[in-house]
Amino acid sequence: MFHWLQHFFGFDAGQGNAPHYLFFSGTGSDLSELALVGAVFAIVRKHNCHIRHCWRVGRFPVDGTSFTTCSRHHPKGAPTHAEVLAAADEHNERRR
């Protein structure tokens, strides 16, 4: 059994191969694929809505908290085009 596991994971340098070559060209190459899947999961988890079981992208911060929610779960809803323009005008006036 030990020899089979050693061969499966590529730790036996058979037929003139360098030690551990078979591991990195076989089973070990799957480690990078697992890392990519983990990175995608972490990005989705970080940027999704903070409401439980909601997988929408959370783009709207909730005032007074560290939560970001989607337009469906935000207390004020998604900002309208007029509200964005008014906020931009107000910000520009304060800068002057």
N, C-alpha and C. Protein backbone atom coordinates (compact mmCIF):
# COMPACT_ATOMS: atom_id res chain seq x y z
N MET A 1 0.83 -1.19 0.00
CA MET A 1 0.00 0.00 0.00
C MET A 1 0.87 1.26 0.00
N PHE A 2 1.94 1.25 0.78
CA PHE A 2 2.81 2.42 0.85
C PHE A 2 3.45 2.72 -0.50
N HIS A 3 3.85 1.67 -1.20
CA HIS A 3 4.49 1.87 -2.51
C HIS A 3 3.50 2.42 -3.53
N TRP A 4 2.25 1.99 -3.43
CA TRP A 4 1.23 2.51 -4.33
C TRP A 4 1.00 4.00 -4.08
N LEU A 5 0.88 4.39 -2.80
CA LEU A 5 0.72 5.81 -2.48
C LEU A 5 1.93 6.62 -2.92
N GLN A 6 3.10 6.06 -2.73
CA GLN A 6 4.31 6.75 -3.13
C GLN A 6 4.32 6.96 -4.65
N HIS A 7 3.87 5.98 -5.39
CA HIS A 7 3.81 6.10 -6.84
C HIS A 7 2.70 7.07 -7.26
N PHE A 8 1.54 7.02 -6.60
CA PHE A 8 0.41 7.88 -6.94
C PHE A 8 0.77 9.35 -6.77
N PHE A 9 1.43 9.68 -5.68
CA PHE A 9 1.80 11.06 -5.43
C PHE A 9 3.10 11.46 -6.12
N GLY A 10 3.76 10.54 -6.77
CA GLY A 10 4.93 10.87 -7.57
C GLY A 10 6.21 11.00 -6.78
N PHE A 11 6.33 10.35 -5.65
CA PHE A 11 7.54 10.45 -4.85
C PHE A 11 8.57 9.38 -5.20
N ASP A 12 8.20 8.46 -6.06
CA ASP A 12 9.19 7.47 -6.51
C ASP A 12 9.78 7.96 -7.83
N ALA A 13 11.05 8.18 -7.87
CA ALA A 13 11.71 8.69 -9.07
C ALA A 13 11.97 7.52 -10.00
N GLY A 14 10.94 7.08 -10.67
CA GLY A 14 11.07 5.91 -11.52
C GLY A 14 11.48 6.28 -12.94
N GLN A 15 12.15 5.40 -13.60
CA GLN A 15 12.54 5.50 -15.00
C GLN A 15 13.34 6.75 -15.31
N GLY A 16 14.30 7.07 -14.49
CA GLY A 16 15.23 8.17 -14.77
C GLY A 16 14.71 9.56 -14.48
N ASN A 17 13.56 9.71 -13.85
CA ASN A 17 13.03 11.04 -13.53
C ASN A 17 13.68 11.58 -12.27
N ALA A 18 13.77 12.89 -12.20
CA ALA A 18 14.33 13.53 -11.01
C ALA A 18 13.37 13.32 -9.84
N PRO A 19 13.88 13.35 -8.61
CA PRO A 19 13.01 13.19 -7.45
C PRO A 19 11.93 14.29 -7.42
N HIS A 20 10.74 13.93 -7.13
CA HIS A 20 9.58 14.82 -7.00
C HIS A 20 9.13 15.43 -8.32
N TYR A 21 9.74 15.08 -9.44
CA TYR A 21 9.27 15.57 -10.73
C TYR A 21 7.86 15.07 -11.01
N LEU A 22 7.63 13.81 -10.72
CA LEU A 22 6.32 13.23 -10.99
C LEU A 22 5.24 13.85 -10.12
N PHE A 23 5.60 14.28 -8.93
CA PHE A 23 4.62 14.93 -8.06
C PHE A 23 4.17 16.25 -8.66
N PHE A 24 5.11 17.10 -9.06
CA PHE A 24 4.76 18.43 -9.55
C PHE A 24 4.15 18.40 -10.95
N SER A 25 4.37 17.35 -11.72
CA SER A 25 3.72 17.25 -13.02
C SER A 25 2.44 16.43 -12.96
N GLY A 26 2.12 15.90 -11.82
CA GLY A 26 0.91 15.07 -11.67
C GLY A 26 -0.01 15.62 -10.60
N THR A 27 0.01 14.97 -9.45
CA THR A 27 -0.90 15.33 -8.36
C THR A 27 -0.62 16.72 -7.81
N GLY A 28 0.63 17.12 -7.76
CA GLY A 28 0.98 18.43 -7.20
C GLY A 28 0.49 19.60 -8.04
N SER A 29 0.25 19.37 -9.33
CA SER A 29 -0.23 20.47 -10.17
C SER A 29 -1.67 20.87 -9.81
N ASP A 30 -2.38 19.99 -9.14
CA ASP A 30 -3.75 20.31 -8.72
C ASP A 30 -3.79 21.32 -7.57
N LEU A 31 -2.67 21.52 -6.90
CA LEU A 31 -2.65 22.50 -5.80
C LEU A 31 -2.94 23.91 -6.29
N SER A 32 -2.43 24.26 -7.46
CA SER A 32 -2.70 25.60 -8.00
C SER A 32 -4.17 25.75 -8.37
N GLU A 33 -4.78 24.69 -8.87
CA GLU A 33 -6.20 24.75 -9.20
C GLU A 33 -7.05 24.94 -7.94
N LEU A 34 -6.68 24.26 -6.87
CA LEU A 34 -7.39 24.45 -5.61
C LEU A 34 -7.21 25.87 -5.08
N ALA A 35 -6.02 26.45 -5.28
CA ALA A 35 -5.78 27.82 -4.85
C ALA A 35 -6.64 28.79 -5.64
N LEU A 36 -6.82 28.56 -6.93
CA LEU A 36 -7.67 29.44 -7.74
C LEU A 36 -9.13 29.34 -7.31
N VAL A 37 -9.60 28.15 -7.03
CA VAL A 37 -10.98 27.99 -6.55
C VAL A 37 -11.16 28.70 -5.21
N GLY A 38 -10.17 28.57 -4.33
CA GLY A 38 -10.23 29.25 -3.04
C GLY A 38 -10.21 30.76 -3.18
N ALA A 39 -9.43 31.28 -4.13
CA ALA A 39 -9.38 32.73 -4.35
C ALA A 39 -10.71 33.26 -4.87
N VAL A 40 -11.33 32.53 -5.80
CA VAL A 40 -12.63 32.96 -6.31
C VAL A 40 -13.66 32.95 -5.20
N PHE A 41 -13.65 31.93 -4.37
CA PHE A 41 -14.59 31.86 -3.25
C PHE A 41 -14.38 33.03 -2.28
N ALA A 42 -13.11 33.36 -2.00
CA ALA A 42 -12.82 34.46 -1.08
C ALA A 42 -13.27 35.80 -1.65
N ILE A 43 -13.09 36.01 -2.94
CA ILE A 43 -13.51 37.27 -3.56
C ILE A 43 -15.03 37.40 -3.54
N VAL A 44 -15.71 36.31 -3.87
CA VAL A 44 -17.18 36.34 -3.84
C VAL A 44 -17.67 36.57 -2.43
N ARG A 45 -17.04 35.94 -1.47
CA ARG A 45 -17.45 36.07 -0.07
C ARG A 45 -17.22 37.49 0.46
N LYS A 46 -16.15 38.13 -0.01
CA LYS A 46 -15.83 39.47 0.48
C LYS A 46 -16.77 40.53 -0.11
N HIS A 47 -17.15 40.37 -1.37
CA HIS A 47 -17.89 41.41 -2.05
C HIS A 47 -19.39 41.15 -2.15
N ASN A 48 -19.89 40.08 -1.56
CA ASN A 48 -21.32 39.85 -1.66
C ASN A 48 -22.06 40.62 -0.57
N CYS A 49 -23.37 40.64 -0.70
CA CYS A 49 -24.24 41.32 0.26
C CYS A 49 -24.08 40.68 1.63
N HIS A 50 -24.12 41.49 2.69
CA HIS A 50 -23.92 40.96 4.03
C HIS A 50 -25.16 40.29 4.61
N ILE A 51 -26.28 40.32 3.90
CA ILE A 51 -27.47 39.62 4.36
C ILE A 51 -27.28 38.12 4.11
N ARG A 52 -27.63 37.31 5.08
CA ARG A 52 -27.39 35.87 4.99
C ARG A 52 -28.16 35.27 3.82
N HIS A 53 -27.50 34.39 3.07
CA HIS A 53 -28.03 33.67 1.91
C HIS A 53 -28.31 34.57 0.71
N CYS A 54 -27.79 35.76 0.69
CA CYS A 54 -27.93 36.63 -0.48
C CYS A 54 -26.58 36.66 -1.20
N TRP A 55 -26.58 36.24 -2.47
CA TRP A 55 -25.33 36.16 -3.23
C TRP A 55 -25.18 37.33 -4.19
N ARG A 56 -25.97 38.38 -4.04
CA ARG A 56 -25.81 39.56 -4.89
C ARG A 56 -24.57 40.34 -4.46
N VAL A 57 -24.07 41.14 -5.37
CA VAL A 57 -22.90 41.97 -5.07
C VAL A 57 -23.34 43.12 -4.18
N GLY A 58 -22.68 43.27 -3.03
CA GLY A 58 -23.00 44.36 -2.12
C GLY A 58 -22.21 45.61 -2.48
N ARG A 59 -22.90 46.62 -3.01
CA ARG A 59 -22.22 47.83 -3.45
C ARG A 59 -22.59 49.06 -2.62
N PHE A 60 -23.59 48.95 -1.77
CA PHE A 60 -24.09 50.11 -1.06
C PHE A 60 -23.78 50.00 0.43
N PRO A 61 -22.91 50.86 0.98
CA PRO A 61 -22.63 50.81 2.41
C PRO A 61 -23.83 51.31 3.22
N VAL A 62 -24.05 50.66 4.35
CA VAL A 62 -25.12 51.07 5.25
C VAL A 62 -24.53 52.08 6.23
N ASP A 63 -25.15 53.25 6.32
CA ASP A 63 -24.63 54.34 7.16
C ASP A 63 -24.52 53.92 8.61
N GLY A 64 -23.38 54.22 9.21
CA GLY A 64 -23.16 53.94 10.62
C GLY A 64 -22.70 52.52 10.93
N THR A 65 -22.54 51.69 9.91
CA THR A 65 -22.09 50.31 10.13
C THR A 65 -20.98 49.98 9.14
N SER A 66 -20.43 48.80 9.28
CA SER A 66 -19.41 48.35 8.33
C SER A 66 -20.02 47.41 7.29
N PHE A 67 -21.34 47.33 7.22
CA PHE A 67 -22.02 46.44 6.28
C PHE A 67 -22.15 47.08 4.91
N THR A 68 -22.08 46.24 3.89
CA THR A 68 -22.43 46.64 2.53
C THR A 68 -23.50 45.69 2.04
N THR A 69 -24.51 46.23 1.42
CA THR A 69 -25.64 45.42 0.98
C THR A 69 -25.94 45.69 -0.49
N CYS A 70 -26.76 44.83 -1.05
CA CYS A 70 -27.21 45.02 -2.43
C CYS A 70 -28.37 46.02 -2.43
N SER A 71 -28.80 46.40 -3.61
CA SER A 71 -29.88 47.39 -3.70
C SER A 71 -31.19 46.86 -3.13
N ARG A 72 -31.38 45.55 -3.16
CA ARG A 72 -32.61 44.98 -2.64
C ARG A 72 -32.68 45.06 -1.11
N HIS A 73 -31.56 44.89 -0.42
CA HIS A 73 -31.56 44.85 1.04
C HIS A 73 -31.14 46.16 1.70
N HIS A 74 -30.76 47.16 0.91
CA HIS A 74 -30.34 48.44 1.50
C HIS A 74 -31.58 49.15 2.07
N PRO A 75 -31.45 49.75 3.25
CA PRO A 75 -32.63 50.39 3.87
C PRO A 75 -33.24 51.49 3.00
N LYS A 76 -32.43 52.21 2.26
CA LYS A 76 -32.94 53.29 1.42
C LYS A 76 -33.11 52.87 -0.03
N GLY A 77 -32.75 51.65 -0.37
CA GLY A 77 -32.82 51.20 -1.75
C GLY A 77 -31.64 51.73 -2.55
N ALA A 78 -31.62 51.44 -3.81
CA ALA A 78 -30.54 51.91 -4.67
C ALA A 78 -30.71 53.39 -4.95
N PRO A 79 -29.62 54.15 -4.99
CA PRO A 79 -29.77 55.58 -5.29
C PRO A 79 -30.19 55.78 -6.74
N THR A 80 -31.02 56.77 -6.93
CA THR A 80 -31.46 57.09 -8.29
C THR A 80 -30.42 57.97 -8.97
N HIS A 81 -30.59 58.17 -10.25
CA HIS A 81 -29.65 58.99 -11.01
C HIS A 81 -29.66 60.43 -10.49
N ALA A 82 -30.82 60.93 -10.16
CA ALA A 82 -30.93 62.31 -9.65
C ALA A 82 -30.22 62.44 -8.30
N GLU A 83 -30.33 61.43 -7.44
CA GLU A 83 -29.66 61.49 -6.14
C GLU A 83 -28.14 61.47 -6.29
N VAL A 84 -27.64 60.71 -7.25
CA VAL A 84 -26.20 60.67 -7.48
C VAL A 84 -25.71 62.01 -8.00
N LEU A 85 -26.43 62.60 -8.92
CA LEU A 85 -26.05 63.91 -9.45
C LEU A 85 -26.10 64.98 -8.36
N ALA A 86 -27.12 64.94 -7.50
CA ALA A 86 -27.23 65.91 -6.41
C ALA A 86 -26.08 65.75 -5.43
N ALA A 87 -25.70 64.52 -5.11
CA ALA A 87 -24.59 64.28 -4.19
C ALA A 87 -23.28 64.75 -4.81
N ALA A 88 -23.10 64.54 -6.11
CA ALA A 88 -21.88 65.00 -6.78
C ALA A 88 -21.81 66.52 -6.80
N ASP A 89 -22.94 67.16 -7.07
CA ASP A 89 -22.97 68.63 -7.06
C ASP A 89 -22.68 69.17 -5.67
N GLU A 90 -23.25 68.55 -4.65
CA GLU A 90 -23.00 68.98 -3.27
C GLU A 90 -21.53 68.81 -2.90
N HIS A 91 -20.93 67.71 -3.32
CA HIS A 91 -19.52 67.47 -3.05
C HIS A 91 -18.63 68.51 -3.76
N ASN A 92 -18.97 68.81 -4.98
CA ASN A 92 -18.19 69.82 -5.72
C ASN A 92 -18.32 71.20 -5.10
N GLU A 93 -19.49 71.52 -4.58
CA GLU A 93 -19.70 72.82 -3.93
C GLU A 93 -18.88 72.91 -2.64
N ARG A 94 -18.80 71.81 -1.90
CA ARG A 94 -18.02 71.81 -0.66
C ARG A 94 -16.52 71.94 -0.93
N ARG A 95 -16.07 71.42 -2.06
CA ARG A 95 -14.65 71.50 -2.41
C ARG A 95 -14.24 72.92 -2.76
N ARG A 96 -15.17 73.71 -3.28
CA ARG A 96 -14.84 75.08 -3.71
C ARG A 96 -14.79 76.02 -2.58
